[in-house]
N, C-alpha and C. Protein backbone atom coordinates (compact mmCIF):
# COMPACT_ATOMS: atom_id res chain seq x y z
N MET A 1 10.44 -3.57 11.00
CA MET A 1 10.82 -2.52 10.11
C MET A 1 11.81 -1.58 10.82
N THR A 2 12.78 -1.09 10.09
CA THR A 2 13.72 -0.16 10.67
C THR A 2 13.07 1.22 10.87
N GLU A 3 13.61 2.02 11.73
CA GLU A 3 13.11 3.35 11.96
C GLU A 3 13.24 4.19 10.69
N GLU A 4 14.37 3.98 9.97
CA GLU A 4 14.56 4.73 8.70
C GLU A 4 13.45 4.38 7.69
N LEU A 5 13.11 3.13 7.57
CA LEU A 5 12.04 2.73 6.64
C LEU A 5 10.68 3.30 7.10
N VAL A 6 10.43 3.25 8.37
CA VAL A 6 9.18 3.79 8.87
C VAL A 6 9.08 5.29 8.56
N ASP A 7 10.17 6.00 8.79
CA ASP A 7 10.16 7.45 8.51
C ASP A 7 9.91 7.71 7.00
N TRP A 8 10.57 6.88 6.16
CA TRP A 8 10.39 7.05 4.74
C TRP A 8 8.95 6.79 4.33
N ILE A 9 8.33 5.76 4.85
CA ILE A 9 6.94 5.45 4.54
C ILE A 9 6.05 6.60 4.96
N ARG A 10 6.28 7.12 6.15
CA ARG A 10 5.46 8.25 6.64
C ARG A 10 5.60 9.46 5.78
N ASP A 11 6.84 9.72 5.26
CA ASP A 11 7.09 10.89 4.45
C ASP A 11 6.73 10.73 2.98
N ASN A 12 6.57 9.48 2.52
CA ASN A 12 6.38 9.21 1.11
C ASN A 12 5.30 8.16 0.84
N PRO A 13 4.09 8.31 1.38
CA PRO A 13 3.11 7.25 1.22
C PRO A 13 2.72 6.98 -0.24
N GLU A 14 2.77 8.00 -1.10
CA GLU A 14 2.42 7.77 -2.49
C GLU A 14 3.42 6.85 -3.16
N GLU A 15 4.68 6.96 -2.75
CA GLU A 15 5.73 6.14 -3.35
C GLU A 15 5.82 4.75 -2.72
N TYR A 16 5.25 4.62 -1.50
CA TYR A 16 5.35 3.39 -0.77
C TYR A 16 4.88 2.19 -1.56
N ILE A 17 3.69 2.35 -2.18
CA ILE A 17 3.11 1.25 -2.93
C ILE A 17 4.04 0.85 -4.08
N VAL A 18 4.64 1.82 -4.74
CA VAL A 18 5.54 1.57 -5.84
C VAL A 18 6.81 0.90 -5.40
N GLU A 19 7.39 1.36 -4.26
CA GLU A 19 8.68 0.89 -3.81
C GLU A 19 8.69 -0.48 -3.22
N VAL A 20 7.57 -0.94 -2.68
CA VAL A 20 7.58 -2.25 -2.04
C VAL A 20 7.52 -3.40 -3.04
N ALA A 21 7.35 -3.12 -4.29
CA ALA A 21 7.35 -4.19 -5.32
C ALA A 21 8.06 -3.65 -6.54
N ALA A 22 8.52 -4.53 -7.37
CA ALA A 22 9.19 -4.11 -8.60
C ALA A 22 8.23 -3.37 -9.53
N GLU A 23 7.02 -3.81 -9.58
CA GLU A 23 6.08 -3.17 -10.53
C GLU A 23 4.68 -3.19 -9.98
N VAL A 24 4.01 -2.02 -10.09
CA VAL A 24 2.56 -1.91 -9.86
C VAL A 24 1.97 -1.08 -10.98
N GLU A 25 0.70 -1.21 -11.15
CA GLU A 25 0.04 -0.41 -12.14
C GLU A 25 -1.32 -0.02 -11.62
N GLU A 26 -1.82 1.10 -12.11
CA GLU A 26 -3.13 1.56 -11.73
C GLU A 26 -4.14 0.47 -12.13
N TYR A 27 -5.12 0.25 -11.29
CA TYR A 27 -6.15 -0.72 -11.60
C TYR A 27 -7.46 -0.01 -11.78
N ALA A 28 -7.93 -0.02 -13.00
CA ALA A 28 -9.18 0.67 -13.37
C ALA A 28 -9.93 -0.18 -14.41
N PRO A 29 -10.59 -1.28 -13.95
CA PRO A 29 -11.15 -2.18 -14.91
C PRO A 29 -12.33 -1.65 -15.71
N THR A 30 -13.10 -0.73 -15.15
CA THR A 30 -14.30 -0.23 -15.85
C THR A 30 -14.47 1.26 -15.74
N GLY A 31 -13.40 2.00 -15.50
CA GLY A 31 -13.52 3.46 -15.35
C GLY A 31 -12.39 4.03 -14.54
N PRO A 32 -12.73 4.80 -13.48
CA PRO A 32 -11.68 5.46 -12.71
C PRO A 32 -10.82 4.43 -11.95
N THR A 33 -9.65 4.88 -11.58
CA THR A 33 -8.72 4.06 -10.78
C THR A 33 -9.36 3.66 -9.45
N ILE A 34 -9.34 2.37 -9.14
CA ILE A 34 -9.85 1.90 -7.87
C ILE A 34 -8.75 1.40 -6.94
N GLY A 35 -7.55 1.27 -7.47
CA GLY A 35 -6.43 0.76 -6.67
C GLY A 35 -5.18 0.62 -7.51
N TYR A 36 -4.25 -0.09 -6.90
CA TYR A 36 -2.95 -0.36 -7.58
C TYR A 36 -2.67 -1.82 -7.51
N LYS A 37 -2.45 -2.44 -8.67
CA LYS A 37 -2.25 -3.86 -8.79
C LYS A 37 -0.80 -4.20 -8.86
N PHE A 38 -0.36 -5.14 -8.07
CA PHE A 38 1.00 -5.63 -8.08
C PHE A 38 1.19 -6.55 -9.28
N THR A 39 2.13 -6.21 -10.15
CA THR A 39 2.38 -7.07 -11.33
C THR A 39 3.66 -7.86 -11.16
N SER A 40 4.44 -7.51 -10.13
CA SER A 40 5.68 -8.24 -9.83
C SER A 40 5.97 -8.12 -8.36
N VAL A 41 6.28 -9.23 -7.72
CA VAL A 41 6.67 -9.26 -6.32
C VAL A 41 7.89 -10.15 -6.18
N PRO A 42 9.07 -9.50 -6.27
CA PRO A 42 10.30 -10.27 -6.24
C PRO A 42 10.51 -10.94 -4.82
N SER A 43 11.05 -12.14 -4.87
CA SER A 43 11.38 -12.83 -3.64
C SER A 43 12.35 -11.97 -2.84
N GLY A 44 12.11 -11.83 -1.54
CA GLY A 44 12.98 -11.04 -0.70
C GLY A 44 12.64 -9.58 -0.62
N SER A 45 11.68 -9.13 -1.44
CA SER A 45 11.26 -7.73 -1.39
C SER A 45 10.39 -7.48 -0.17
N LEU A 46 10.23 -6.24 0.20
CA LEU A 46 9.37 -5.89 1.33
C LEU A 46 7.94 -6.43 1.05
N ALA A 47 7.50 -6.25 -0.16
CA ALA A 47 6.14 -6.72 -0.49
C ALA A 47 6.02 -8.22 -0.25
N SER A 48 7.00 -8.96 -0.67
CA SER A 48 7.04 -10.41 -0.45
C SER A 48 7.04 -10.75 1.04
N GLU A 49 7.86 -10.05 1.80
CA GLU A 49 7.93 -10.28 3.23
C GLU A 49 6.59 -9.97 3.90
N LEU A 50 5.81 -9.04 3.36
CA LEU A 50 4.51 -8.69 3.94
C LEU A 50 3.42 -9.62 3.45
N GLY A 51 3.75 -10.54 2.56
CA GLY A 51 2.71 -11.50 2.08
C GLY A 51 1.97 -11.06 0.84
N ILE A 52 2.39 -9.95 0.22
CA ILE A 52 1.76 -9.47 -1.01
C ILE A 52 2.08 -10.45 -2.14
N GLN A 53 1.09 -10.67 -2.97
CA GLN A 53 1.25 -11.59 -4.10
C GLN A 53 0.99 -10.86 -5.42
N VAL A 54 1.52 -11.39 -6.50
CA VAL A 54 1.16 -10.82 -7.83
C VAL A 54 -0.29 -10.87 -8.02
N ASP A 55 -0.85 -9.81 -8.59
CA ASP A 55 -2.28 -9.56 -8.85
C ASP A 55 -3.06 -9.07 -7.64
N ASP A 56 -2.44 -8.92 -6.46
CA ASP A 56 -3.12 -8.26 -5.35
C ASP A 56 -3.35 -6.83 -5.69
N ILE A 57 -4.44 -6.26 -5.30
CA ILE A 57 -4.79 -4.89 -5.59
C ILE A 57 -5.01 -4.12 -4.31
N VAL A 58 -4.13 -3.15 -4.07
CA VAL A 58 -4.28 -2.29 -2.89
C VAL A 58 -5.38 -1.28 -3.21
N VAL A 59 -6.42 -1.25 -2.35
CA VAL A 59 -7.53 -0.39 -2.56
C VAL A 59 -7.69 0.73 -1.52
N ASP A 60 -7.11 0.50 -0.33
CA ASP A 60 -7.17 1.59 0.65
C ASP A 60 -5.99 1.50 1.62
N ILE A 61 -5.69 2.64 2.23
CA ILE A 61 -4.71 2.74 3.27
C ILE A 61 -5.37 3.46 4.44
N ASP A 62 -5.46 2.77 5.58
CA ASP A 62 -6.14 3.29 6.76
C ASP A 62 -7.55 3.78 6.45
N GLY A 63 -8.22 3.07 5.57
CA GLY A 63 -9.61 3.37 5.22
C GLY A 63 -9.77 4.42 4.14
N TYR A 64 -8.70 5.01 3.68
CA TYR A 64 -8.78 6.01 2.61
C TYR A 64 -8.58 5.33 1.26
N ASP A 65 -9.53 5.56 0.35
CA ASP A 65 -9.51 5.00 -1.00
C ASP A 65 -8.30 5.54 -1.75
N VAL A 66 -7.36 4.66 -2.17
CA VAL A 66 -6.16 5.08 -2.86
C VAL A 66 -6.42 5.52 -4.30
N GLY A 67 -7.56 5.17 -4.85
CA GLY A 67 -7.90 5.58 -6.22
C GLY A 67 -8.29 7.03 -6.31
N ASP A 68 -8.61 7.67 -5.18
CA ASP A 68 -8.98 9.07 -5.17
C ASP A 68 -7.82 9.90 -4.77
N MET A 69 -7.25 10.68 -5.69
CA MET A 69 -6.06 11.46 -5.40
C MET A 69 -6.26 12.48 -4.25
N ASP A 70 -7.51 12.88 -4.04
CA ASP A 70 -7.79 13.79 -2.92
C ASP A 70 -7.49 13.15 -1.55
N ASN A 71 -7.42 11.84 -1.51
CA ASN A 71 -7.17 11.14 -0.24
C ASN A 71 -5.69 11.04 0.10
N TRP A 72 -4.79 11.35 -0.82
CA TRP A 72 -3.35 11.17 -0.51
C TRP A 72 -2.90 12.14 0.56
N ALA A 73 -3.45 13.35 0.64
CA ALA A 73 -3.06 14.26 1.75
C ALA A 73 -3.45 13.72 3.12
N PRO A 74 -4.74 13.24 3.26
CA PRO A 74 -5.06 12.64 4.59
C PRO A 74 -4.26 11.40 4.88
N ILE A 75 -3.97 10.59 3.84
CA ILE A 75 -3.15 9.40 4.06
C ILE A 75 -1.78 9.81 4.60
N ASN A 76 -1.18 10.76 3.94
CA ASN A 76 0.12 11.25 4.36
C ASN A 76 0.07 11.80 5.82
N SER A 77 -0.98 12.54 6.07
CA SER A 77 -1.13 13.13 7.42
C SER A 77 -1.27 12.04 8.46
N SER A 78 -2.10 11.02 8.19
CA SER A 78 -2.30 9.97 9.19
C SER A 78 -1.03 9.15 9.45
N LEU A 79 -0.23 9.01 8.36
CA LEU A 79 1.03 8.22 8.54
C LEU A 79 2.09 8.98 9.29
N SER A 80 1.97 10.32 9.35
CA SER A 80 3.05 11.10 10.00
C SER A 80 3.24 10.77 11.46
N THR A 81 2.15 10.30 12.09
CA THR A 81 2.23 9.97 13.51
C THR A 81 1.82 8.54 13.78
N ALA A 82 1.61 7.76 12.80
CA ALA A 82 1.09 6.39 12.95
C ALA A 82 2.08 5.46 13.63
N THR A 83 1.52 4.57 14.40
CA THR A 83 2.33 3.46 14.96
C THR A 83 2.04 2.17 14.16
N SER A 84 1.06 2.24 13.27
CA SER A 84 0.73 1.11 12.42
C SER A 84 -0.05 1.65 11.22
N VAL A 85 -0.17 0.86 10.20
CA VAL A 85 -0.97 1.23 9.05
C VAL A 85 -1.73 -0.02 8.60
N THR A 86 -2.97 0.15 8.21
CA THR A 86 -3.78 -0.94 7.70
C THR A 86 -4.00 -0.75 6.22
N VAL A 87 -3.61 -1.77 5.46
CA VAL A 87 -3.76 -1.70 4.01
C VAL A 87 -4.87 -2.65 3.59
N GLY A 88 -5.87 -2.10 2.92
CA GLY A 88 -6.92 -2.92 2.35
C GLY A 88 -6.57 -3.38 0.96
N TYR A 89 -6.77 -4.63 0.69
CA TYR A 89 -6.42 -5.15 -0.62
C TYR A 89 -7.40 -6.22 -1.06
N GLU A 90 -7.41 -6.50 -2.34
CA GLU A 90 -8.21 -7.59 -2.88
C GLU A 90 -7.27 -8.67 -3.48
N ARG A 91 -7.62 -9.88 -3.22
CA ARG A 91 -6.88 -11.02 -3.77
C ARG A 91 -7.94 -11.99 -4.30
N ASN A 92 -7.91 -12.22 -5.59
CA ASN A 92 -8.89 -13.15 -6.24
C ASN A 92 -10.31 -12.78 -5.91
N GLY A 93 -10.61 -11.47 -5.90
CA GLY A 93 -11.97 -10.97 -5.66
C GLY A 93 -12.37 -10.95 -4.20
N ILE A 94 -11.48 -11.34 -3.31
CA ILE A 94 -11.81 -11.34 -1.85
C ILE A 94 -11.09 -10.21 -1.17
N SER A 95 -11.81 -9.39 -0.45
CA SER A 95 -11.24 -8.25 0.27
C SER A 95 -10.55 -8.75 1.53
N SER A 96 -9.38 -8.20 1.82
CA SER A 96 -8.62 -8.53 3.03
C SER A 96 -7.95 -7.27 3.52
N GLN A 97 -7.37 -7.38 4.70
CA GLN A 97 -6.57 -6.28 5.28
C GLN A 97 -5.27 -6.80 5.80
N LEU A 98 -4.27 -5.95 5.75
CA LEU A 98 -2.94 -6.25 6.24
C LEU A 98 -2.57 -5.10 7.16
N THR A 99 -2.25 -5.40 8.40
CA THR A 99 -1.84 -4.33 9.34
C THR A 99 -0.34 -4.45 9.55
N ILE A 100 0.33 -3.32 9.36
CA ILE A 100 1.79 -3.26 9.50
C ILE A 100 2.08 -2.45 10.77
N GLU A 101 2.77 -3.05 11.73
CA GLU A 101 3.16 -2.33 12.94
C GLU A 101 4.53 -1.74 12.78
N PHE A 102 4.68 -0.51 13.15
CA PHE A 102 5.97 0.14 13.05
C PHE A 102 6.69 0.03 14.38
N GLU A 103 7.98 -0.32 14.32
CA GLU A 103 8.78 -0.38 15.54
C GLU A 103 9.23 1.04 15.88
N ASP A 104 9.27 1.36 17.15
CA ASP A 104 9.77 2.69 17.57
C ASP A 104 11.24 2.71 17.61
């Protein structure tokens, strides 16, 4: 990842999920939002390069539940000095994690 992209992710974590794919939507199957579901992952996009697939649901960033808006401030704070970020996601009902290392 370029330094410019890393800085943008650190400064805009709320938008990061939206910008890495053409389309995402809130995922709330039985009540409150529990994550964000990728509905489109264009070939060549950052999401595609990271291995994200259509229907993957991002549920946490560095252990913070993305469905809880109160967690966006701590997510933003943790990313401001991060050298990596771990994204928790579900694919076909199976929980997984993706760790993204930032280049200095």
